[in-house]
Amino acid sequence: MILNTVYTAYLDALCRGDRRRALHTAQTALNDGVDIRDLYLEVFQPAMHQIGLMWERNQITVAEEHLATAITQSVMAHLYGHVFDRTPVGRTLIATCIGGELHELGIRMVADFFEMEGWDVYYLGANMPAEDVVRMAQERQADLLAISVTLNSHVPHARRMIQIVRESSIGDQIKIMVGGQPINRAPDLYEKLGADFTARDAREAVQLVMEVMA
């Protein structure tokens, strides 16, 4: 029940563009014993989904949608102290969006969830050139590459990035996970793109990887 209350308060803060209230809502929830993973998946994620629906229905402007995203990114950054204080497990993740992709909140959540499990995480953010991602993966000898794609028109870019990774010197060793709305709508698409697996959210991503890469 507490998560429903937190969600309602947080969404209201986003709709009002009130960053301080949004941060206070999230921080108070953590102080009251809410697990940060639940805060991400039961508050931040559905709140941003609702903001997206409101934008699609012309109930809010592009500016208001961008502001809500920026507020949530800011709140997550403020809560980072709850994320990184974990025992290292000796595994490395590169988390990125494909070139042209500007929606990075989902992949940021995935990155934080792996960091909570003790992974060394290199979060590259939005609009990354494939060649630079490969270079980073090679330099860090990454075990896993997580790629986010949120628009159907960007699926070919994900395919190209995966192909470039596969053709690189690290291509045989690294596992590749791809996720986002186009993948969720077509669960077998990840295989056609050349990825090893997909997941619908950050918690599922961690669970799947722990099983596959144990």
C-alpha atoms as a PDB file:
ATOM      1  CA  MET A   1       0.000   0.000   0.000  1.00  0.00           C
ATOM      2  CA  ILE A   2       2.845   2.379   0.809  1.00  0.00           C
ATOM      3  CA  LEU A   3       4.191   2.085  -2.735  1.00  0.00           C
ATOM      4  CA  ASN A   4       0.851   3.167  -4.184  1.00  0.00           C
ATOM      5  CA  THR A   5       0.939   6.247  -1.960  1.00  0.00           C
ATOM      6  CA  VAL A   6       4.531   6.997  -2.932  1.00  0.00           C
ATOM      7  CA  TYR A   7       3.716   6.552  -6.616  1.00  0.00           C
ATOM      8  CA  THR A   8       0.759   8.942  -6.423  1.00  0.00           C
ATOM      9  CA  ALA A   9       2.789  11.596  -4.606  1.00  0.00           C
ATOM     10  CA  TYR A  10       5.746  11.207  -6.944  1.00  0.00           C
ATOM     11  CA  LEU A  11       3.635  11.439 -10.094  1.00  0.00           C
ATOM     12  CA  ASP A  12       1.917  14.530  -8.735  1.00  0.00           C
ATOM     13  CA  ALA A  13       5.325  16.112  -8.110  1.00  0.00           C
ATOM     14  CA  LEU A  14       6.364  15.347 -11.695  1.00  0.00           C
ATOM     15  CA  CYS A  15       3.157  16.832 -13.077  1.00  0.00           C
ATOM     16  CA  ARG A  16       3.807  19.985 -11.082  1.00  0.00           C
ATOM     17  CA  GLY A  17       7.458  20.100 -12.148  1.00  0.00           C
ATOM     18  CA  ASP A  18       8.476  20.122  -8.491  1.00  0.00           C
ATOM     19  CA  ARG A  19      11.933  18.570  -8.227  1.00  0.00           C
ATOM     20  CA  ARG A  20      12.310  19.179  -4.492  1.00  0.00           C
ATOM     21  CA  ARG A  21       9.009  17.482  -3.732  1.00  0.00           C
ATOM     22  CA  ALA A  22       9.848  14.542  -5.986  1.00  0.00           C
ATOM     23  CA  LEU A  23      13.197  14.058  -4.245  1.00  0.00           C
ATOM     24  CA  HIS A  24      11.624  14.413  -0.813  1.00  0.00           C
ATOM     25  CA  THR A  25       8.994  11.810  -1.710  1.00  0.00           C
ATOM     26  CA  ALA A  26      11.615   9.315  -2.853  1.00  0.00           C
ATOM     27  CA  GLN A  27      13.981   9.961   0.055  1.00  0.00           C
ATOM     28  CA  THR A  28      11.184   9.655   2.607  1.00  0.00           C
ATOM     29  CA  ALA A  29      10.138   6.321   1.084  1.00  0.00           C
ATOM     30  CA  LEU A  30      13.676   4.979   1.450  1.00  0.00           C
ATOM     31  CA  ASN A  31      13.865   6.233   5.026  1.00  0.00           C
ATOM     32  CA  ASP A  32      10.595   4.409   5.719  1.00  0.00           C
ATOM     33  CA  GLY A  33      12.104   1.124   4.565  1.00  0.00           C
ATOM     34  CA  VAL A  34      11.120   0.911   0.907  1.00  0.00           C
ATOM     35  CA  ASP A  35      13.740  -1.036  -1.069  1.00  0.00           C
ATOM     36  CA  ILE A  36      15.408   1.098  -3.718  1.00  0.00           C
ATOM     37  CA  ARG A  37      14.694  -1.568  -6.345  1.00  0.00           C
ATOM     38  CA  ASP A  38      10.976  -1.301  -5.599  1.00  0.00           C
ATOM     39  CA  LEU A  39      11.239   2.470  -5.732  1.00  0.00           C
ATOM     40  CA  TYR A  40      12.726   2.244  -9.227  1.00  0.00           C
ATOM     41  CA  LEU A  41      10.252  -0.295 -10.610  1.00  0.00           C
ATOM     42  CA  GLU A  42       7.062   0.541  -8.709  1.00  0.00           C
ATOM     43  CA  VAL A  43       7.378   4.341  -8.571  1.00  0.00           C
ATOM     44  CA  PHE A  44       9.836   5.846 -11.063  1.00  0.00           C
ATOM     45  CA  GLN A  45       9.122   3.510 -13.971  1.00  0.00           C
ATOM     46  CA  PRO A  46       5.297   3.590 -13.879  1.00  0.00           C
ATOM     47  CA  ALA A  47       5.307   7.334 -13.173  1.00  0.00           C
ATOM     48  CA  MET A  48       7.401   7.975 -16.268  1.00  0.00           C
ATOM     49  CA  HIS A  49       5.218   5.596 -18.259  1.00  0.00           C
ATOM     50  CA  GLN A  50       2.190   7.632 -17.223  1.00  0.00           C
ATOM     51  CA  ILE A  51       3.965  10.844 -18.177  1.00  0.00           C
ATOM     52  CA  GLY A  52       4.603   9.330 -21.605  1.00  0.00           C
ATOM     53  CA  LEU A  53       0.938   8.430 -21.999  1.00  0.00           C
ATOM     54  CA  MET A  54      -0.078  11.939 -20.998  1.00  0.00           C
ATOM     55  CA  TRP A  55       2.236  13.352 -23.652  1.00  0.00           C
ATOM     56  CA  GLU A  56       0.820  10.986 -26.303  1.00  0.00           C
ATOM     57  CA  ARG A  57      -2.694  12.179 -25.389  1.00  0.00           C
ATOM     58  CA  ASN A  58      -1.636  15.846 -25.607  1.00  0.00           C
ATOM     59  CA  GLN A  59      -2.355  16.315 -21.908  1.00  0.00           C
ATOM     60  CA  ILE A  60       1.139  17.704 -21.337  1.00  0.00           C
ATOM     61  CA  THR A  61       3.659  19.429 -23.593  1.00  0.00           C
ATOM     62  CA  VAL A  62       7.022  18.149 -24.792  1.00  0.00           C
ATOM     63  CA  ALA A  63       8.666  20.574 -22.382  1.00  0.00           C
ATOM     64  CA  GLU A  64       6.713  19.156 -19.457  1.00  0.00           C
ATOM     65  CA  GLU A  65       7.608  15.592 -20.484  1.00  0.00           C
ATOM     66  CA  HIS A  66      11.279  16.534 -20.707  1.00  0.00           C
ATOM     67  CA  LEU A  67      11.105  18.240 -17.332  1.00  0.00           C
ATOM     68  CA  ALA A  68       9.618  15.126 -15.718  1.00  0.00           C
ATOM     69  CA  THR A  69      12.414  13.034 -17.220  1.00  0.00           C
ATOM     70  CA  ALA A  70      15.063  15.463 -16.000  1.00  0.00           C
ATOM     71  CA  ILE A  71      13.554  15.452 -12.512  1.00  0.00           C
ATOM     72  CA  THR A  72      13.600  11.655 -12.332  1.00  0.00           C
ATOM     73  CA  GLN A  73      17.190  11.556 -13.576  1.00  0.00           C
ATOM     74  CA  SER A  74      18.105  14.090 -10.896  1.00  0.00           C
ATOM     75  CA  VAL A  75      16.343  12.087  -8.175  1.00  0.00           C
ATOM     76  CA  MET A  76      18.117   8.889  -9.232  1.00  0.00           C
ATOM     77  CA  ALA A  77      21.448  10.726  -9.140  1.00  0.00           C
ATOM     78  CA  HIS A  78      20.740  11.976  -5.611  1.00  0.00           C
ATOM     79  CA  LEU A  79      19.926   8.436  -4.482  1.00  0.00           C
ATOM     80  CA  TYR A  80      23.096   6.969  -5.989  1.00  0.00           C
ATOM     81  CA  GLY A  81      24.627   6.435  -2.569  1.00  0.00           C
ATOM     82  CA  HIS A  82      22.097   3.665  -2.024  1.00  0.00           C
ATOM     83  CA  VAL A  83      23.245   1.956  -5.243  1.00  0.00           C
ATOM     84  CA  PHE A  84      27.011   1.668  -5.366  1.00  0.00           C
ATOM     85  CA  ASP A  85      27.939   0.467  -1.872  1.00  0.00           C
ATOM     86  CA  ARG A  86      28.084  -3.244  -2.724  1.00  0.00           C
ATOM     87  CA  THR A  87      30.780  -5.933  -2.625  1.00  0.00           C
ATOM     88  CA  PRO A  88      32.399  -6.242  -6.094  1.00  0.00           C
ATOM     89  CA  VAL A  89      31.748  -9.530  -7.923  1.00  0.00           C
ATOM     90  CA  GLY A  90      34.389  -9.148 -10.637  1.00  0.00           C
ATOM     91  CA  ARG A  91      31.983  -8.741 -13.558  1.00  0.00           C
ATOM     92  CA  THR A  92      31.772  -5.774 -15.930  1.00  0.00           C
ATOM     93  CA  LEU A  93      28.781  -4.268 -17.722  1.00  0.00           C
ATOM     94  CA  ILE A  94      28.709  -1.685 -20.484  1.00  0.00           C
ATOM     95  CA  ALA A  95      25.266  -0.055 -20.641  1.00  0.00           C
ATOM     96  CA  THR A  96      24.342   2.173 -23.547  1.00  0.00           C
ATOM     97  CA  CYS A  97      21.757   3.500 -25.971  1.00  0.00           C
ATOM     98  CA  ILE A  98      22.226   3.128 -29.715  1.00  0.00           C
ATOM     99  CA  GLY A  99      23.127   6.089 -31.917  1.00  0.00           C
ATOM    100  CA  GLY A 100      20.214   8.500 -32.302  1.00  0.00           C
ATOM    101  CA  GLU A 101      18.515   7.160 -29.173  1.00  0.00           C
ATOM    102  CA  LEU A 102      17.838   9.897 -26.612  1.00  0.00           C
ATOM    103  CA  HIS A 103      15.638   8.011 -24.125  1.00  0.00           C
ATOM    104  CA  GLU A 104      18.113   6.752 -21.559  1.00  0.00           C
ATOM    105  CA  LEU A 105      16.140   6.384 -18.327  1.00  0.00           C
ATOM    106  CA  GLY A 106      15.429   2.681 -18.795  1.00  0.00           C
ATOM    107  CA  ILE A 107      19.027   1.697 -19.459  1.00  0.00           C
ATOM    108  CA  ARG A 108      20.120   3.859 -16.521  1.00  0.00           C
ATOM    109  CA  MET A 109      17.866   1.760 -14.288  1.00  0.00           C
ATOM    110  CA  VAL A 110      19.405  -1.426 -15.674  1.00  0.00           C
ATOM    111  CA  ALA A 111      22.892  -0.052 -15.004  1.00  0.00           C
ATOM    112  CA  ASP A 112      22.003   0.839 -11.427  1.00  0.00           C
ATOM    113  CA  PHE A 113      20.472  -2.584 -10.756  1.00  0.00           C
ATOM    114  CA  PHE A 114      23.659  -4.328 -11.863  1.00  0.00           C
ATOM    115  CA  GLU A 115      25.730  -1.963  -9.771  1.00  0.00           C
ATOM    116  CA  MET A 116      23.572  -2.926  -6.789  1.00  0.00           C
ATOM    117  CA  GLU A 117      24.688  -6.518  -7.430  1.00  0.00           C
ATOM    118  CA  GLY A 118      28.367  -5.572  -7.275  1.00  0.00           C
ATOM    119  CA  TRP A 119      29.106  -5.336 -10.989  1.00  0.00           C
ATOM    120  CA  ASP A 120      31.561  -2.780 -12.350  1.00  0.00           C
ATOM    121  CA  VAL A 121      29.257  -0.686 -14.523  1.00  0.00           C
ATOM    122  CA  TYR A 122      30.190   1.743 -17.271  1.00  0.00           C
ATOM    123  CA  TYR A 123      27.050   3.664 -18.129  1.00  0.00           C
ATOM    124  CA  LEU A 124      27.545   5.432 -21.447  1.00  0.00           C
ATOM    125  CA  GLY A 125      24.114   7.035 -21.741  1.00  0.00           C
ATOM    126  CA  ALA A 126      22.337   8.237 -24.861  1.00  0.00           C
ATOM    127  CA  ASN A 127      23.226   8.413 -28.551  1.00  0.00           C
ATOM    128  CA  MET A 128      26.431   6.365 -28.552  1.00  0.00           C
ATOM    129  CA  PRO A 129      28.313   5.548 -31.775  1.00  0.00           C
ATOM    130  CA  ALA A 130      28.734   1.783 -32.155  1.00  0.00           C
ATOM    131  CA  GLU A 131      32.482   1.996 -32.718  1.00  0.00           C
ATOM    132  CA  ASP A 132      33.002   3.835 -29.426  1.00  0.00           C
ATOM    133  CA  VAL A 133      30.931   1.248 -27.575  1.00  0.00           C
ATOM    134  CA  VAL A 134      33.093  -1.531 -29.005  1.00  0.00           C
ATOM    135  CA  ARG A 135      36.258   0.300 -28.003  1.00  0.00           C
ATOM    136  CA  MET A 136      35.006   0.708 -24.447  1.00  0.00           C
ATOM    137  CA  ALA A 137      33.976  -2.956 -24.248  1.00  0.00           C
ATOM    138  CA  GLN A 138      37.422  -4.013 -25.446  1.00  0.00           C
ATOM    139  CA  GLU A 139      39.278  -1.710 -23.081  1.00  0.00           C
ATOM    140  CA  ARG A 140      37.250  -2.834 -20.071  1.00  0.00           C
ATOM    141  CA  GLN A 141      37.073  -6.505 -21.142  1.00  0.00           C
ATOM    142  CA  ALA A 142      33.344  -6.366 -20.496  1.00  0.00           C
ATOM    143  CA  ASP A 143      31.349  -9.487 -19.707  1.00  0.00           C
ATOM    144  CA  LEU A 144      28.013  -7.996 -20.758  1.00  0.00           C
ATOM    145  CA  LEU A 145      26.775  -5.273 -23.094  1.00  0.00           C
ATOM    146  CA  ALA A 146      23.255  -3.941 -22.432  1.00  0.00           C
ATOM    147  CA  ILE A 147      21.687  -1.976 -25.293  1.00  0.00           C
ATOM    148  CA  SER A 148      18.510   0.093 -25.088  1.00  0.00           C
ATOM    149  CA  VAL A 149      16.276   0.855 -28.066  1.00  0.00           C
ATOM    150  CA  THR A 150      12.923   2.568 -27.506  1.00  0.00           C
ATOM    151  CA  LEU A 151      11.679   3.335 -31.029  1.00  0.00           C
ATOM    152  CA  ASN A 152      10.900   0.941 -33.885  1.00  0.00           C
ATOM    153  CA  SER A 153      12.830   3.168 -36.268  1.00  0.00           C
ATOM    154  CA  HIS A 154      15.962   2.607 -34.189  1.00  0.00           C
ATOM    155  CA  VAL A 155      15.887  -1.203 -34.339  1.00  0.00           C
ATOM    156  CA  PRO A 156      18.204  -1.290 -37.421  1.00  0.00           C
ATOM    157  CA  HIS A 157      20.739   0.773 -35.477  1.00  0.00           C
ATOM    158  CA  ALA A 158      20.672  -1.811 -32.691  1.00  0.00           C
ATOM    159  CA  ARG A 159      21.235  -4.567 -35.251  1.00  0.00           C
ATOM    160  CA  ARG A 160      24.232  -2.682 -36.655  1.00  0.00           C
ATOM    161  CA  MET A 161      25.743  -2.099 -33.220  1.00  0.00           C
ATOM    162  CA  ILE A 162      25.401  -5.769 -32.326  1.00  0.00           C
ATOM    163  CA  GLN A 163      26.942  -6.794 -35.645  1.00  0.00           C
ATOM    164  CA  ILE A 164      29.928  -4.500 -35.088  1.00  0.00           C
ATOM    165  CA  VAL A 165      30.423  -5.906 -31.586  1.00  0.00           C
ATOM    166  CA  ARG A 166      30.212  -9.489 -32.870  1.00  0.00           C
ATOM    167  CA  GLU A 167      32.825  -8.767 -35.532  1.00  0.00           C
ATOM    168  CA  SER A 168      35.241  -7.238 -33.005  1.00  0.00           C
ATOM    169  CA  SER A 169      37.962  -9.007 -31.043  1.00  0.00           C
ATOM    170  CA  ILE A 170      35.670  -9.280 -28.022  1.00  0.00           C
ATOM    171  CA  GLY A 171      32.676 -10.522 -29.995  1.00  0.00           C
ATOM    172  CA  ASP A 172      33.029 -14.178 -29.036  1.00  0.00           C
ATOM    173  CA  GLN A 173      33.372 -13.527 -25.313  1.00  0.00           C
ATOM    174  CA  ILE A 174      30.877 -10.797 -24.503  1.00  0.00           C
ATOM    175  CA  LYS A 175      27.192 -11.469 -23.900  1.00  0.00           C
ATOM    176  CA  ILE A 176      24.724  -8.994 -25.377  1.00  0.00           C
ATOM    177  CA  MET A 177      21.347  -8.041 -23.954  1.00  0.00           C
ATOM    178  CA  VAL A 178      18.940  -5.740 -25.784  1.00  0.00           C
ATOM    179  CA  GLY A 179      15.738  -4.255 -24.419  1.00  0.00           C
ATOM    180  CA  GLY A 180      13.109  -1.577 -24.874  1.00  0.00           C
ATOM    181  CA  GLN A 181       9.550  -1.235 -26.101  1.00  0.00           C
ATOM    182  CA  PRO A 182      10.096  -2.608 -29.635  1.00  0.00           C
ATOM    183  CA  ILE A 183      11.717  -5.712 -28.153  1.00  0.00           C
ATOM    184  CA  ASN A 184       9.017  -6.126 -25.515  1.00  0.00           C
ATOM    185  CA  ARG A 185       6.360  -6.068 -28.217  1.00  0.00           C
ATOM    186  CA  ALA A 186       8.164  -8.782 -30.221  1.00  0.00           C
ATOM    187  CA  PRO A 187       9.900 -11.088 -27.728  1.00  0.00           C
ATOM    188  CA  ASP A 188      11.805 -13.073 -30.390  1.00  0.00           C
ATOM    189  CA  LEU A 189      13.226  -9.946 -32.030  1.00  0.00           C
ATOM    190  CA  TYR A 190      16.344  -9.981 -29.854  1.00  0.00           C
ATOM    191  CA  GLU A 191      17.457 -13.234 -31.495  1.00  0.00           C
ATOM    192  CA  LYS A 192      17.007 -11.781 -34.976  1.00  0.00           C
ATOM    193  CA  LEU A 193      19.175  -8.846 -33.922  1.00  0.00           C
ATOM    194  CA  GLY A 194      21.945 -11.191 -32.799  1.00  0.00           C
ATOM    195  CA  ALA A 195      21.631 -10.599 -29.056  1.00  0.00           C
ATOM    196  CA  ASP A 196      21.890 -13.356 -26.461  1.00  0.00           C
ATOM    197  CA  PHE A 197      18.834 -12.377 -24.442  1.00  0.00           C
ATOM    198  CA  THR A 198      16.342  -9.686 -23.509  1.00  0.00           C
ATOM    199  CA  ALA A 199      14.474  -8.621 -20.383  1.00  0.00           C
ATOM    200  CA  ARG A 200      11.376  -6.541 -19.753  1.00  0.00           C
ATOM    201  CA  ASP A 201      12.769  -4.556 -16.836  1.00  0.00           C
ATOM    202  CA  ALA A 202      15.887  -4.095 -14.725  1.00  0.00           C
ATOM    203  CA  ARG A 203      15.014  -6.721 -12.111  1.00  0.00           C
ATOM    204  CA  GLU A 204      14.343  -9.356 -14.770  1.00  0.00           C
ATOM    205  CA  ALA A 205      17.595  -8.416 -16.504  1.00  0.00           C
ATOM    206  CA  VAL A 206      19.625  -9.083 -13.354  1.00  0.00           C
ATOM    207  CA  GLN A 207      17.829 -12.353 -12.618  1.00  0.00           C
ATOM    208  CA  LEU A 208      18.286 -13.612 -16.176  1.00  0.00           C
ATOM    209  CA  VAL A 209      21.951 -12.715 -16.346  1.00  0.00           C
ATOM    210  CA  MET A 210      22.631 -14.348 -12.986  1.00  0.00           C
ATOM    211  CA  GLU A 211      21.099 -17.568 -14.331  1.00  0.00           C
ATOM    212  CA  VAL A 212      22.777 -17.495 -17.729  1.00  0.00           C
ATOM    213  CA  MET A 213      26.203 -16.279 -16.607  1.00  0.00           C
ATOM    214  CA  ALA A 214      26.450 -18.039 -13.234  1.00  0.00           C
END
